[in-house]
Amino acid sequence: MEFITKKPPIKSNQQRSYKRSLNLHISLIIISLAAILTRAFIAVPEGEVWLPDAMFKTFLMLLTGAFISVLIELLYSIGEGKSHEFSNYKRLVDPINTGLIIALLLPTSTPIYVLLLAVIIGVYAGKIVFGGNGYYIFNPALVGVLFVNLSFANQITYGETPLVLLKNALAGQTYTLKLLDLFVGNYAAIAIGSTSVILLVVIFAYLLVTRVIDLRISGTFILTILIVSAGIGFVNFGTASGLMWQYVLVNMITGLTMFAAVFLVSESVSSPTSRETKMIYAVVVAILTMTVRTLGAEIEGIVFAILFGNMITPFLNRTVKRSNKKIFIRTSIILLVVVIFTGFALGFIVQSRLQEIFSAAVIGGLF
C-alpha cells in the first residue's frame, strides 16, 4: 500500500502563514481587551455579579484559555523532541490564538474547569491528533466549545440575550433594546467575544486588508444572514411597524454573527479553496445558523453550522475543480434564489403557516 502525503495549503508559504497568524493574534488581543473593558459598562442583570468580579472573571478566562492551549502544545512538543521551537514567540502565536478564541466563544458564567476541558478537547482532539496546525479537519476552537456546550449545558448560562428576546418576539412577546447599547456591546452577551460590533467591523476591515480573512466567505456569510433574517422578519412583522428591520439588525450586530465573520468562517485550514466553493460554504453555514436560531432549542447556531461546513469542505473542494465566469454567475444566481427562499420558508415555519400554504396550493390545483 502506498501513502501519498501533501503539504496543506496553509503550509505552502510559511512566511505568509505566520503573518496571517500574527495579524489575527493582534486582533484577538484587541477584542480580548475590549471584552474585559465592556464588562465595566454593562448594566447589572438581576441576580448576577458584575463589574470588578465579571471583569476579573473575563480576564481569568482569557488568560487560562491561552495558557492551557500553549501548555498542551508544549507538552506534546516535548514528547516529540521539539520543545526548542517554543523558545521563539513565533511558535506561541497559534496556540495562544486557539485558546483565546475558545474563551471568547464562552459566556462569563462558564466555570473555569469547563473552560479547561474545552481547551483540552479543542487543542488535543481537534488539532494535535490530526497533525497540528495546518492539518486538522475541523476548527479546533469550535470542537472544544461544542463539546462543553453539549456536555455542560447546565453550567453555562446566558441570561436574556438579544437573540433570546428575538425568539420571544416571534412568539408574540414584546421587548425593548436600545440601539446604542447593541452597537457598543452593552447587553447580556451570549459569549465574551460578542462585544462592540463597531470594533468588530473595524477589525473586519483590517483583516480584509491584510488578507487574513476572505471576503468571498465572510462577505457571503454576512449577506446571507442579512437576506434570510429579512425574509423571516418580513413574513412575521411586515414592513409597516419597522419591527422587520429591528429583527434584521439584532441578528446582524448581536450574538456571534460579526465575531464569526471576523474570526471563524474564514479560518484558512478548514474552509474551501476555490471561489464557488467558498460561496457555497458560506451560504450553507449562514442558513444553518439562522435555522438553529429560529427553530432550534439553542440560542446561537454558529458553532454547529461552521463545524458542519468544515465537514462538507472536502466534498466541495472535490466538486469544483476549475472556475470560470459562467460557472461563477450561475452559482451566484442559484445561491441567491436558495437564500431568498430559505428566508421566507423559515419565516412561514416560525408562524406555523407552512402547512396552510401547501394545503392551499394543493386545493388550488398547483400540485
Protein backbone atom coordinates (compact mmCIF):
# COMPACT_ATOMS: atom_id res chain seq x y z
CA MET A 1 0.00 0.00 0.00
CA GLU A 2 1.36 3.40 -0.98
CA PHE A 3 0.61 6.52 1.03
CA ILE A 4 0.94 9.96 -0.53
CA THR A 5 1.35 12.95 1.75
CA LYS A 6 0.98 16.54 0.65
CA LYS A 7 1.70 19.79 2.37
CA PRO A 8 -1.60 21.50 3.38
CA PRO A 9 -2.45 24.85 1.71
CA ILE A 10 -1.65 26.87 4.82
CA LYS A 11 1.88 25.43 4.85
CA SER A 12 2.66 26.34 1.24
CA ASN A 13 4.10 29.70 2.30
CA GLN A 14 5.38 29.65 5.88
CA GLN A 15 6.17 33.35 5.99
CA ARG A 16 2.72 34.34 4.77
CA SER A 17 1.13 31.86 7.17
CA TYR A 18 2.94 33.47 10.10
CA LYS A 19 1.93 36.98 9.01
CA ARG A 20 -1.69 35.86 8.89
CA SER A 21 -1.45 34.33 12.35
CA LEU A 22 0.27 37.42 13.73
CA ASN A 23 -2.39 39.79 12.36
CA LEU A 24 -5.07 37.51 13.75
CA HIS A 25 -3.15 37.42 17.05
CA ILE A 26 -3.14 41.23 17.32
CA SER A 27 -6.85 41.38 16.51
CA LEU A 28 -7.72 38.76 19.13
CA ILE A 29 -5.77 40.64 21.80
CA ILE A 30 -7.66 43.85 20.94
CA ILE A 31 -11.02 42.05 21.13
CA SER A 32 -9.99 40.41 24.41
CA LEU A 33 -9.15 43.79 25.96
CA ALA A 34 -12.45 45.18 24.68
CA ALA A 35 -14.32 42.23 26.18
CA ILE A 36 -12.76 42.91 29.58
CA LEU A 37 -13.47 46.65 29.46
CA THR A 38 -17.04 46.12 28.20
CA ARG A 39 -17.87 44.39 31.49
CA ALA A 40 -17.29 47.72 33.28
CA PHE A 41 -20.22 49.35 31.47
CA ILE A 42 -22.81 46.60 31.11
CA ALA A 43 -25.91 47.03 33.26
CA VAL A 44 -26.12 44.53 36.11
CA PRO A 45 -28.71 41.79 35.39
CA GLU A 46 -30.75 40.76 38.41
CA GLY A 47 -29.04 38.01 40.39
CA GLU A 48 -25.68 38.31 38.63
CA VAL A 49 -22.37 39.67 39.90
CA TRP A 50 -20.88 42.26 37.61
CA LEU A 51 -18.19 44.96 37.32
CA PRO A 52 -14.90 44.05 39.10
CA ASP A 53 -15.84 40.40 39.56
CA ALA A 54 -17.02 39.98 35.98
CA MET A 55 -14.04 41.90 34.61
CA PHE A 56 -11.63 39.69 36.55
CA LYS A 57 -13.50 36.52 35.54
CA THR A 58 -13.29 37.58 31.88
CA PHE A 59 -9.56 38.28 32.22
CA LEU A 60 -9.03 34.97 34.02
CA MET A 61 -10.88 33.02 31.32
CA LEU A 62 -8.85 34.60 28.52
CA LEU A 63 -5.56 34.09 30.36
CA THR A 64 -6.45 30.50 31.25
CA GLY A 65 -7.51 29.66 27.71
CA ALA A 66 -4.28 30.99 26.20
CA PHE A 67 -2.01 29.44 28.87
CA ILE A 68 -3.54 25.95 28.79
CA SER A 69 -3.51 25.91 24.98
CA VAL A 70 0.22 26.75 24.95
CA LEU A 71 0.90 24.22 27.74
CA ILE A 72 -0.78 21.36 25.87
CA GLU A 73 1.16 22.04 22.68
CA LEU A 74 4.39 22.46 24.66
CA LEU A 75 3.94 19.11 26.40
CA TYR A 76 3.22 17.46 23.06
CA SER A 77 6.33 19.06 21.55
CA ILE A 78 8.44 17.83 24.48
CA GLY A 79 7.23 14.30 23.75
CA GLU A 80 8.16 14.77 20.09
CA GLY A 81 11.56 16.22 20.96
CA LYS A 82 10.72 19.64 19.52
CA SER A 83 10.48 21.72 22.68
CA HIS A 84 13.20 24.07 21.38
CA GLU A 85 10.64 25.56 19.00
CA PHE A 86 8.89 27.24 21.92
CA SER A 87 11.93 29.39 22.68
CA ASN A 88 10.64 31.72 19.98
CA TYR A 89 7.41 33.71 20.49
CA LYS A 90 6.57 32.97 16.87
CA ARG A 91 5.73 29.39 17.90
CA LEU A 92 3.38 30.63 20.65
CA VAL A 93 1.17 32.73 18.39
CA ASP A 94 -1.05 29.95 17.00
CA PRO A 95 -1.75 28.13 20.31
CA ILE A 96 -2.48 31.45 22.02
CA ASN A 97 -4.92 32.30 19.24
CA THR A 98 -6.74 28.99 19.68
CA GLY A 99 -7.00 29.41 23.45
CA LEU A 100 -8.27 32.98 23.16
CA ILE A 101 -10.93 32.04 20.60
CA ILE A 102 -12.23 29.22 22.82
CA ALA A 103 -12.51 31.59 25.79
CA LEU A 104 -14.13 34.29 23.65
CA LEU A 105 -16.79 31.81 22.47
CA LEU A 106 -17.98 31.11 26.01
CA PRO A 107 -20.02 33.36 28.36
CA THR A 108 -18.62 34.87 31.55
CA SER A 109 -20.71 32.44 33.60
CA THR A 110 -18.64 29.48 32.38
CA PRO A 111 -16.85 27.66 35.23
CA ILE A 112 -13.07 27.57 34.83
CA TYR A 113 -12.99 23.75 34.85
CA VAL A 114 -15.41 23.74 31.90
CA LEU A 115 -13.14 26.16 30.03
CA LEU A 116 -10.17 23.88 30.79
CA LEU A 117 -11.99 20.91 29.27
CA ALA A 118 -12.95 22.97 26.21
CA VAL A 119 -9.31 23.91 25.60
CA ILE A 120 -8.02 20.38 26.17
CA ILE A 121 -10.56 18.84 23.80
CA GLY A 122 -10.16 21.60 21.22
CA VAL A 123 -6.36 21.67 21.14
CA TYR A 124 -5.66 17.97 21.56
CA ALA A 125 -8.62 16.20 19.95
CA GLY A 126 -9.35 18.95 17.43
CA LYS A 127 -5.80 19.83 16.37
CA ILE A 128 -2.91 17.73 17.63
CA VAL A 129 -4.32 14.29 16.79
CA PHE A 130 -4.63 15.40 13.16
CA GLY A 131 -1.02 16.57 12.99
CA GLY A 132 -1.17 20.09 14.38
CA ASN A 133 -1.62 23.45 12.70
CA GLY A 134 -2.49 23.15 9.02
CA TYR A 135 -3.61 19.52 9.12
CA TYR A 136 -6.84 19.44 11.11
CA ILE A 137 -10.27 18.91 9.54
CA PHE A 138 -12.50 20.86 11.93
CA ASN A 139 -11.90 24.26 13.51
CA PRO A 140 -10.22 23.19 16.81
CA ALA A 141 -11.73 26.00 18.89
CA LEU A 142 -15.26 25.06 17.80
CA VAL A 143 -14.63 21.38 18.59
CA GLY A 144 -13.85 22.29 22.20
CA VAL A 145 -16.73 24.74 22.52
CA LEU A 146 -19.25 22.28 21.07
CA PHE A 147 -18.08 19.59 23.50
CA VAL A 148 -18.69 21.71 26.59
CA ASN A 149 -21.92 23.20 25.24
CA LEU A 150 -23.34 19.70 24.85
CA SER A 151 -21.78 18.15 27.95
CA PHE A 152 -22.12 21.02 30.44
CA ALA A 153 -25.22 22.86 29.26
CA ASN A 154 -26.49 23.32 32.82
CA GLN A 155 -23.27 25.00 33.94
CA ILE A 156 -23.27 27.53 31.08
CA THR A 157 -25.95 30.21 31.43
CA TYR A 158 -26.61 33.15 29.14
CA GLY A 159 -29.38 35.31 30.55
CA GLU A 160 -31.76 37.28 28.33
CA THR A 161 -29.51 37.94 25.36
CA PRO A 162 -30.91 39.82 22.35
CA LEU A 163 -31.25 36.53 20.45
CA VAL A 164 -33.39 35.11 23.26
CA LEU A 165 -35.57 38.21 23.10
CA LEU A 166 -35.90 37.74 19.35
CA LYS A 167 -37.31 34.26 19.83
CA ASN A 168 -39.75 35.71 22.34
CA ALA A 169 -40.72 38.41 19.84
CA LEU A 170 -41.52 35.80 17.19
CA ALA A 171 -43.76 34.15 19.78
CA GLY A 172 -45.67 37.41 20.22
CA GLN A 173 -43.90 38.92 23.22
CA THR A 174 -42.55 42.45 23.32
CA TYR A 175 -39.01 43.56 24.09
CA THR A 176 -37.05 46.80 24.40
CA LEU A 177 -33.50 47.22 23.19
CA LYS A 178 -31.52 50.44 22.81
CA LEU A 179 -29.67 50.75 19.52
CA LEU A 180 -26.61 52.37 21.09
CA ASP A 181 -26.30 49.54 23.63
CA LEU A 182 -26.33 46.98 20.81
CA PHE A 183 -23.54 48.77 18.94
CA VAL A 184 -21.23 49.17 21.94
CA GLY A 185 -21.95 45.73 23.42
CA ASN A 186 -23.89 46.89 26.48
CA TYR A 187 -26.16 43.85 26.81
CA ALA A 188 -26.20 40.34 28.22
CA ALA A 189 -23.84 38.61 25.79
CA ILE A 190 -24.01 35.03 24.64
CA ALA A 191 -20.20 34.91 24.69
CA ILE A 192 -17.29 37.07 25.80
CA GLY A 193 -16.42 37.77 22.16
CA SER A 194 -19.88 39.17 21.46
CA THR A 195 -18.71 42.68 22.26
CA SER A 196 -18.79 46.05 20.46
CA VAL A 197 -19.86 45.48 16.87
CA ILE A 198 -18.21 48.78 15.96
CA LEU A 199 -14.83 47.40 16.99
CA LEU A 200 -15.53 44.10 15.23
CA VAL A 201 -16.29 45.95 11.98
CA VAL A 202 -13.01 47.88 12.25
CA ILE A 203 -11.07 44.64 12.81
CA PHE A 204 -13.02 43.03 9.97
CA ALA A 205 -11.76 45.76 7.63
CA TYR A 206 -8.19 45.40 8.95
CA LEU A 207 -8.13 41.64 8.44
CA LEU A 208 -9.58 42.04 4.95
CA VAL A 209 -6.83 44.48 4.01
CA THR A 210 -4.15 42.19 5.43
CA ARG A 211 -5.78 39.21 3.64
CA VAL A 212 -6.27 37.20 6.79
CA ILE A 213 -9.95 36.64 6.00
CA ASP A 214 -11.59 36.08 2.63
CA LEU A 215 -14.39 38.43 1.58
CA ARG A 216 -15.90 35.69 -0.57
CA ILE A 217 -16.55 33.69 2.59
CA SER A 218 -17.11 36.31 5.28
CA GLY A 219 -18.93 38.72 2.95
CA THR A 220 -21.22 36.00 1.60
CA PHE A 221 -21.88 34.81 5.16
CA ILE A 222 -22.91 38.29 6.33
CA LEU A 223 -25.05 38.92 3.22
CA THR A 224 -26.83 35.58 3.66
CA ILE A 225 -27.62 36.30 7.33
CA LEU A 226 -28.99 39.69 6.21
CA ILE A 227 -31.25 38.28 3.48
CA VAL A 228 -32.53 35.31 5.50
CA SER A 229 -33.29 37.42 8.58
CA ALA A 230 -35.01 39.98 6.35
CA GLY A 231 -37.22 37.24 4.89
CA ILE A 232 -38.12 35.94 8.36
CA GLY A 233 -38.77 39.47 9.62
CA PHE A 234 -40.93 40.36 6.62
CA VAL A 235 -43.15 37.29 6.99
CA ASN A 236 -43.61 37.77 10.74
CA PHE A 237 -43.70 41.54 11.14
CA GLY A 238 -44.16 43.13 7.73
CA THR A 239 -42.57 46.47 6.89
CA ALA A 240 -45.08 48.93 8.34
CA SER A 241 -44.06 48.81 12.02
CA GLY A 242 -40.31 48.74 11.49
CA LEU A 243 -40.02 45.52 13.53
CA MET A 244 -38.72 43.72 10.47
CA TRP A 245 -35.60 45.88 10.32
CA GLN A 246 -35.17 45.67 14.08
CA TYR A 247 -35.20 41.89 13.75
CA VAL A 248 -32.60 42.07 10.98
CA LEU A 249 -30.43 44.47 12.95
CA VAL A 250 -30.38 42.37 16.10
CA ASN A 251 -29.43 39.28 14.08
CA MET A 252 -26.64 41.16 12.35
CA ILE A 253 -24.97 43.04 15.21
CA THR A 254 -25.52 40.80 18.25
CA GLY A 255 -24.87 37.15 19.00
CA LEU A 256 -21.80 35.80 17.23
CA THR A 257 -22.60 36.97 13.70
CA MET A 258 -19.80 39.53 13.34
CA PHE A 259 -17.40 37.59 15.54
CA ALA A 260 -17.88 34.55 13.28
CA ALA A 261 -17.42 36.64 10.15
CA VAL A 262 -14.15 38.01 11.52
CA PHE A 263 -12.57 35.03 13.29
CA LEU A 264 -14.36 31.78 12.42
CA VAL A 265 -15.87 31.22 8.97
CA SER A 266 -12.76 32.26 7.02
CA GLU A 267 -10.41 30.03 9.01
CA SER A 268 -7.97 29.07 6.26
CA VAL A 269 -7.32 25.41 7.14
CA SER A 270 -10.88 24.11 7.46
CA SER A 271 -12.62 26.23 4.78
CA PRO A 272 -12.81 25.57 1.00
CA THR A 273 -10.23 26.78 -1.51
CA SER A 274 -11.97 27.84 -4.75
CA ARG A 275 -14.23 30.84 -5.39
CA GLU A 276 -17.52 28.98 -5.87
CA THR A 277 -16.94 26.51 -3.05
CA LYS A 278 -16.20 29.37 -0.66
CA MET A 279 -19.53 30.98 -1.52
CA ILE A 280 -21.44 27.70 -1.19
CA TYR A 281 -19.73 27.02 2.15
CA ALA A 282 -20.63 30.47 3.49
CA VAL A 283 -24.27 30.16 2.41
CA VAL A 284 -24.62 26.71 4.00
CA VAL A 285 -23.12 27.96 7.28
CA ALA A 286 -25.33 31.07 7.36
CA ILE A 287 -28.53 29.18 6.54
CA LEU A 288 -27.85 26.56 9.23
CA THR A 289 -27.07 29.34 11.69
CA MET A 290 -30.42 31.05 11.09
CA THR A 291 -32.26 27.71 11.12
CA VAL A 292 -30.91 26.85 14.58
CA ARG A 293 -31.57 30.39 15.82
CA THR A 294 -35.21 30.38 14.77
CA LEU A 295 -36.27 26.73 15.07
CA GLY A 296 -33.75 25.06 17.36
CA ALA A 297 -33.54 24.92 21.13
CA GLU A 298 -30.08 26.51 21.09
CA ILE A 299 -29.74 30.29 21.26
CA GLU A 300 -26.92 30.51 18.73
CA GLY A 301 -26.31 28.15 15.82
CA ILE A 302 -22.95 29.29 14.51
CA VAL A 303 -20.82 26.64 16.22
CA PHE A 304 -22.91 23.78 14.81
CA ALA A 305 -23.14 25.42 11.39
CA ILE A 306 -19.41 26.03 10.91
CA LEU A 307 -18.47 22.52 12.03
CA PHE A 308 -20.96 21.14 9.50
CA GLY A 309 -19.38 23.41 6.89
CA ASN A 310 -15.96 22.03 7.82
CA MET A 311 -17.33 18.52 7.35
CA ILE A 312 -18.51 19.15 3.78
CA THR A 313 -15.42 21.17 2.78
CA PRO A 314 -13.51 18.16 1.31
CA PHE A 315 -16.58 17.30 -0.80
CA LEU A 316 -16.88 20.91 -2.02
CA ASN A 317 -13.19 21.03 -2.91
CA ARG A 318 -13.53 17.85 -4.97
CA THR A 319 -16.70 19.05 -6.70
CA VAL A 320 -15.37 22.27 -8.26
CA LYS A 321 -12.03 21.81 -9.96
CA ARG A 322 -11.89 24.88 -12.17
CA SER A 323 -13.67 28.18 -12.07
CA ASN A 324 -14.77 30.47 -14.88
CA LYS A 325 -17.08 33.45 -15.31
CA LYS A 326 -20.05 31.37 -16.46
CA ILE A 327 -19.85 28.98 -13.52
CA PHE A 328 -19.43 31.88 -11.10
CA ILE A 329 -22.54 33.73 -12.40
CA ARG A 330 -24.66 30.57 -12.43
CA THR A 331 -23.57 29.62 -8.92
CA SER A 332 -24.27 33.14 -7.62
CA ILE A 333 -27.81 33.16 -9.07
CA ILE A 334 -28.65 29.71 -7.69
CA LEU A 335 -27.32 30.63 -4.25
CA LEU A 336 -29.30 33.88 -4.21
CA VAL A 337 -32.53 32.05 -5.04
CA VAL A 338 -31.84 29.45 -2.34
CA VAL A 339 -31.12 32.13 0.25
CA ILE A 340 -34.27 34.14 -0.52
CA PHE A 341 -36.44 31.01 -0.50
CA THR A 342 -34.91 29.91 2.82
CA GLY A 343 -35.65 33.26 4.43
CA PHE A 344 -39.33 33.14 3.54
CA ALA A 345 -39.61 29.42 4.31
CA LEU A 346 -38.16 29.86 7.80
CA GLY A 347 -40.48 32.82 8.34
CA PHE A 348 -43.57 30.78 7.49
CA ILE A 349 -42.37 27.81 9.55
CA VAL A 350 -41.94 30.05 12.59
CA GLN A 351 -45.51 31.25 12.07
CA SER A 352 -46.68 27.65 11.62
CA ARG A 353 -48.16 28.66 8.30
CA LEU A 354 -46.16 26.38 6.02
CA GLN A 355 -48.71 23.57 6.19
CA GLU A 356 -51.50 26.07 5.49
CA ILE A 357 -49.71 27.32 2.37
CA PHE A 358 -49.11 23.84 0.96
CA SER A 359 -52.72 22.87 1.66
CA ALA A 360 -53.95 25.96 -0.20
CA ALA A 361 -51.61 25.16 -3.09
CA VAL A 362 -52.97 21.62 -3.39
CA ILE A 363 -56.56 22.83 -3.28
CA GLY A 364 -55.76 25.48 -5.88
CA GLY A 365 -54.51 22.81 -8.25
CA LEU A 366 -50.83 23.84 -8.23
CA PHE A 367 -49.73 20.29 -7.44
